Structures are given as C-alpha cells and as structure tokens.
C-alpha cells in the first residue's frame, strides 16, 4: 500500500475544513472540482463557496474559489527524495468572483486595498474585469480578484489551513459590504 502524497493530505484537510463551515451554516459550498491534467501530470483541487444568506430573498453574488495545485515537479520532488525537496509541496490560491453593474475601474484600487488589508502586503493580487454581452447593447461586468501566495505550501503548514478558510470567509464578507456600496 502506498502512502498518500502531500497534495492528497492537504486536499483532505482543506476539504474537511470547508465542509465544516458549510455544515455549521456559515457558508454554502457551491462547487467542488478535482482534476488531473494527464498531459502535464498535474493535479488541481478547487472548492467554491459563498456566504449563506439568512433571508430567503437575498442572493450573494460574491463567490470564493480556493485552489490547491501540484505539478509533476512537486510530486517528483516528494517521491524521489534525491531530487530537490524544496519543490515538494503545493500552490494555494484564493479568488473572488463578483458581478458589478457600474464601471469597475473607479473602485479597483479600493478592491486592491481591501484584499491587501485582509491578506497582507506580501501577497500578490491580480484583478481581472470581463464584459459579458447578452446583446449588442446589454452586458454585465464580471470581476475576478486573485490572491496569490507566491510560495509552495507544505504539509508543515496544514495547521494554517483553518486560518486560510477563515480569511477567505472574512474576505467574502468584506467584499460583500464593498460590493453593496458600489453597485
């Protein structure tokens, strides 16, 4: 019998922490995806969530996606101990997706500032805006804000996953406040 990989161990812990928050009523898990890219021999695990609304008429359009990925280099560094063990681990990323009705540009800097306050100045933040046309004159703006950690996460950081989930939920709540004042 083989031991599970670091990716597998981290995925199980992260998934459990997110489902615990779903079961306690804080969030609603809206999607889960686990994939293996056979051409690159990489793995990816994603869970999407949003804040669970108390009122039946409310519907939060802000969703958070937590992604855990491991490449072939990460796996080989773990399994072949003679390789560079510094590559043994996974990448973690959180992203936030929202629709806005107004032009996004005027408050993009506020969005950067909000995410930097939550996640810290040493995180890389990317924001993308996409226009989706329903007709030649009707469109909606989709915003994706990604928080990148810029380093590998190892099994030694598994205890930090609870904070990752808590920060993600806090981010959704703060972005929801930000969004409601800018739509």
Protein backbone atom coordinates (compact mmCIF):
# COMPACT_ATOMS: atom_id res chain seq x y z
CA UNK A 1 0.00 0.00 0.00
CA UNK A 2 1.26 3.47 -0.92
CA UNK A 3 1.31 6.49 1.37
CA UNK A 4 -0.85 9.40 0.21
CA UNK A 5 1.01 12.32 -1.30
CA UNK A 6 1.30 15.73 0.32
CA UNK A 7 -1.28 17.03 -2.18
CA UNK A 8 -3.72 14.31 -1.13
CA UNK A 9 -3.22 15.00 2.59
CA UNK A 10 -3.61 18.77 2.18
CA UNK A 11 -6.65 18.35 -0.05
CA UNK A 12 -8.45 16.18 2.51
CA UNK A 13 -7.78 18.63 5.35
CA UNK A 14 -8.80 21.68 3.29
CA UNK A 15 -11.96 19.97 2.04
CA UNK A 16 -12.91 18.96 5.59
CA UNK A 17 -12.42 22.48 6.96
CA UNK A 18 -14.56 23.99 4.20
CA UNK A 19 -17.34 21.42 4.61
CA UNK A 20 -17.27 22.00 8.40
CA UNK A 21 -18.09 25.67 7.74
CA UNK A 22 -20.83 24.59 5.32
CA UNK A 23 -22.33 22.26 7.94
CA UNK A 24 -22.26 24.94 10.66
CA UNK A 25 -24.26 27.25 8.35
CA UNK A 26 -21.61 29.93 7.77
CA UNK A 27 -21.09 29.27 4.07
CA UNK A 28 -22.63 27.32 1.24
CA UNK A 29 -20.34 25.18 -0.91
CA UNK A 30 -21.45 25.88 -4.49
CA UNK A 31 -18.94 23.79 -6.43
CA UNK A 32 -16.17 21.26 -6.00
CA UNK A 33 -13.74 20.18 -8.70
CA UNK A 34 -10.81 17.81 -8.65
CA UNK A 35 -8.88 17.25 -11.85
CA UNK A 36 -5.77 15.60 -13.19
CA UNK A 37 -4.08 17.04 -16.26
CA UNK A 38 -2.64 13.99 -17.97
CA UNK A 39 -0.59 15.99 -20.47
CA UNK A 40 1.25 17.90 -17.72
CA UNK A 41 0.80 15.31 -14.99
CA UNK A 42 -0.51 17.91 -12.57
CA UNK A 43 -3.40 17.87 -10.10
CA UNK A 44 -5.83 20.54 -9.08
CA UNK A 45 -8.47 20.72 -6.36
CA UNK A 46 -10.98 23.57 -6.12
CA UNK A 47 -13.84 24.40 -3.82
CA UNK A 48 -16.18 27.31 -4.44
CA UNK A 49 -18.24 28.87 -1.67
CA UNK A 50 -20.38 31.86 -0.82
CA UNK A 51 -21.85 33.27 2.36
CA UNK A 52 -25.07 31.53 3.37
CA UNK A 53 -27.86 34.10 3.37
CA UNK A 54 -30.29 34.32 6.28
CA UNK A 55 -33.13 35.90 4.32
CA UNK A 56 -34.72 33.81 1.56
CA UNK A 57 -34.75 36.77 -0.88
CA UNK A 58 -31.05 37.53 -0.51
CA UNK A 59 -28.62 36.08 -3.00
CA UNK A 60 -24.95 36.85 -2.66
CA UNK A 61 -23.20 37.14 -5.98
CA UNK A 62 -19.71 37.05 -4.43
CA UNK A 63 -18.09 33.65 -4.54
CA UNK A 64 -14.70 32.50 -3.34
CA UNK A 65 -12.70 29.76 -5.01
CA UNK A 66 -9.84 28.12 -3.10
CA UNK A 67 -7.46 26.24 -5.37
CA UNK A 68 -4.75 23.75 -4.45
CA UNK A 69 -2.42 22.58 -7.27
CA UNK A 70 0.57 20.28 -7.54
CA UNK A 71 2.76 19.87 -10.61
CA UNK A 72 4.87 16.96 -11.78
CA UNK A 73 7.92 18.71 -10.31
CA UNK A 74 6.21 18.90 -6.92
CA UNK A 75 5.28 15.22 -6.98
CA UNK A 76 8.68 14.03 -8.18
CA UNK A 77 10.48 16.10 -5.51
CA UNK A 78 8.33 14.39 -2.90
CA UNK A 79 8.58 10.83 -4.21
CA UNK A 80 12.20 10.87 -5.39
CA UNK A 81 13.98 12.01 -2.27
CA UNK A 82 17.19 12.54 -4.24
CA UNK A 83 15.55 15.43 -6.10
CA UNK A 84 15.23 19.00 -4.79
CA UNK A 85 12.99 18.55 -1.73
CA UNK A 86 12.31 22.30 -1.67
CA UNK A 87 9.87 21.68 -4.55
CA UNK A 88 7.80 19.17 -2.53
CA UNK A 89 4.51 20.92 -1.87
CA UNK A 90 1.53 22.63 -3.49
CA UNK A 91 0.45 26.06 -4.67
CA UNK A 92 -2.55 27.66 -2.96
CA UNK A 93 -4.64 30.48 -4.38
CA UNK A 94 -7.90 32.16 -3.45
CA UNK A 95 -10.01 34.07 -5.94
CA UNK A 96 -13.17 36.11 -5.58
CA UNK A 97 -15.79 36.44 -8.30
CA UNK A 98 -18.45 39.12 -8.45
CA UNK A 99 -20.72 40.84 -10.96
CA UNK A 100 -20.97 44.62 -10.99
CA UNK A 101 -23.27 46.96 -12.84
CA UNK A 102 -21.11 50.08 -12.75
CA UNK A 103 -17.80 50.62 -14.44
CA UNK A 104 -15.25 48.72 -12.37
CA UNK A 105 -12.24 50.99 -12.88
CA UNK A 106 -13.14 53.73 -10.36
CA UNK A 107 -13.07 51.33 -7.40
CA UNK A 108 -10.42 48.78 -8.44
CA UNK A 109 -7.88 50.47 -6.14
CA UNK A 110 -10.31 50.06 -3.21
CA UNK A 111 -10.64 46.39 -4.05
CA UNK A 112 -6.84 46.02 -4.05
CA UNK A 113 -6.66 47.86 -0.73
CA UNK A 114 -9.37 45.71 0.87
CA UNK A 115 -7.71 42.44 -0.15
CA UNK A 116 -4.25 43.70 0.88
CA UNK A 117 -5.60 44.58 4.33
CA UNK A 118 -7.04 41.10 4.77
CA UNK A 119 -4.24 39.03 3.26
CA UNK A 120 -1.21 41.23 3.93
CA UNK A 121 1.02 43.39 1.77
CA UNK A 122 3.29 40.48 0.81
CA UNK A 123 0.57 38.75 -1.23
CA UNK A 124 0.30 39.27 -4.96
CA UNK A 125 -3.17 40.40 -6.00
CA UNK A 126 -4.46 40.32 -9.57
CA UNK A 127 -7.80 41.74 -10.66
CA UNK A 128 -9.42 40.97 -14.00
CA UNK A 129 -12.51 42.53 -15.49
CA UNK A 130 -14.57 40.82 -18.15
CA UNK A 131 -17.54 42.18 -20.07
CA UNK A 132 -20.17 39.61 -20.97
CA UNK A 133 -22.62 40.77 -23.63
CA UNK A 134 -26.18 39.42 -23.68
CA UNK A 135 -26.97 41.57 -26.71
CA UNK A 136 -25.08 44.28 -28.64
CA UNK A 137 -26.20 46.86 -26.05
CA UNK A 138 -26.57 44.85 -22.87
CA UNK A 139 -23.70 43.46 -20.82
CA UNK A 140 -22.59 42.67 -17.32
CA UNK A 141 -19.17 43.11 -15.74
CA UNK A 142 -17.54 40.13 -14.09
CA UNK A 143 -14.65 40.81 -11.73
CA UNK A 144 -12.15 38.19 -10.60
CA UNK A 145 -9.72 39.13 -7.83
CA UNK A 146 -6.97 36.56 -7.24
CA UNK A 147 -4.78 36.37 -4.14
CA UNK A 148 -1.53 34.54 -4.90
CA UNK A 149 0.78 33.33 -2.16
CA UNK A 150 3.90 33.13 -4.31
CA UNK A 151 5.39 30.15 -2.50
CA UNK A 152 4.87 26.46 -2.03
CA UNK A 153 2.78 25.23 0.85
CA UNK A 154 3.93 22.03 2.52
CA UNK A 155 2.33 19.62 4.95
CA UNK A 156 4.01 21.60 7.73
CA UNK A 157 1.55 24.43 7.00
CA UNK A 158 -1.59 22.26 7.28
CA UNK A 159 -2.42 23.84 10.69
CA UNK A 160 -2.61 27.20 8.86
CA UNK A 161 -5.43 25.94 6.61
CA UNK A 162 -8.05 26.85 9.24
CA UNK A 163 -6.81 30.46 9.02
CA UNK A 164 -6.89 30.27 5.21
CA UNK A 165 -10.56 29.27 5.28
CA UNK A 166 -11.39 31.89 7.93
CA UNK A 167 -9.60 34.62 5.95
CA UNK A 168 -11.44 33.54 2.80
CA UNK A 169 -14.80 33.82 4.56
CA UNK A 170 -13.81 37.19 6.03
CA UNK A 171 -12.82 38.34 2.55
CA UNK A 172 -16.21 37.38 1.14
CA UNK A 173 -17.96 39.30 3.92
CA UNK A 174 -15.83 42.42 3.44
CA UNK A 175 -16.16 42.28 -0.33
CA UNK A 176 -19.91 41.87 0.08
CA UNK A 177 -20.00 45.13 2.08
CA UNK A 178 -17.78 46.78 -0.53
CA UNK A 179 -19.91 45.42 -3.37
CA UNK A 180 -23.23 46.53 -1.85
CA UNK A 181 -21.95 50.10 -1.57
CA UNK A 182 -20.65 50.13 -5.18
CA UNK A 183 -23.47 48.59 -7.20
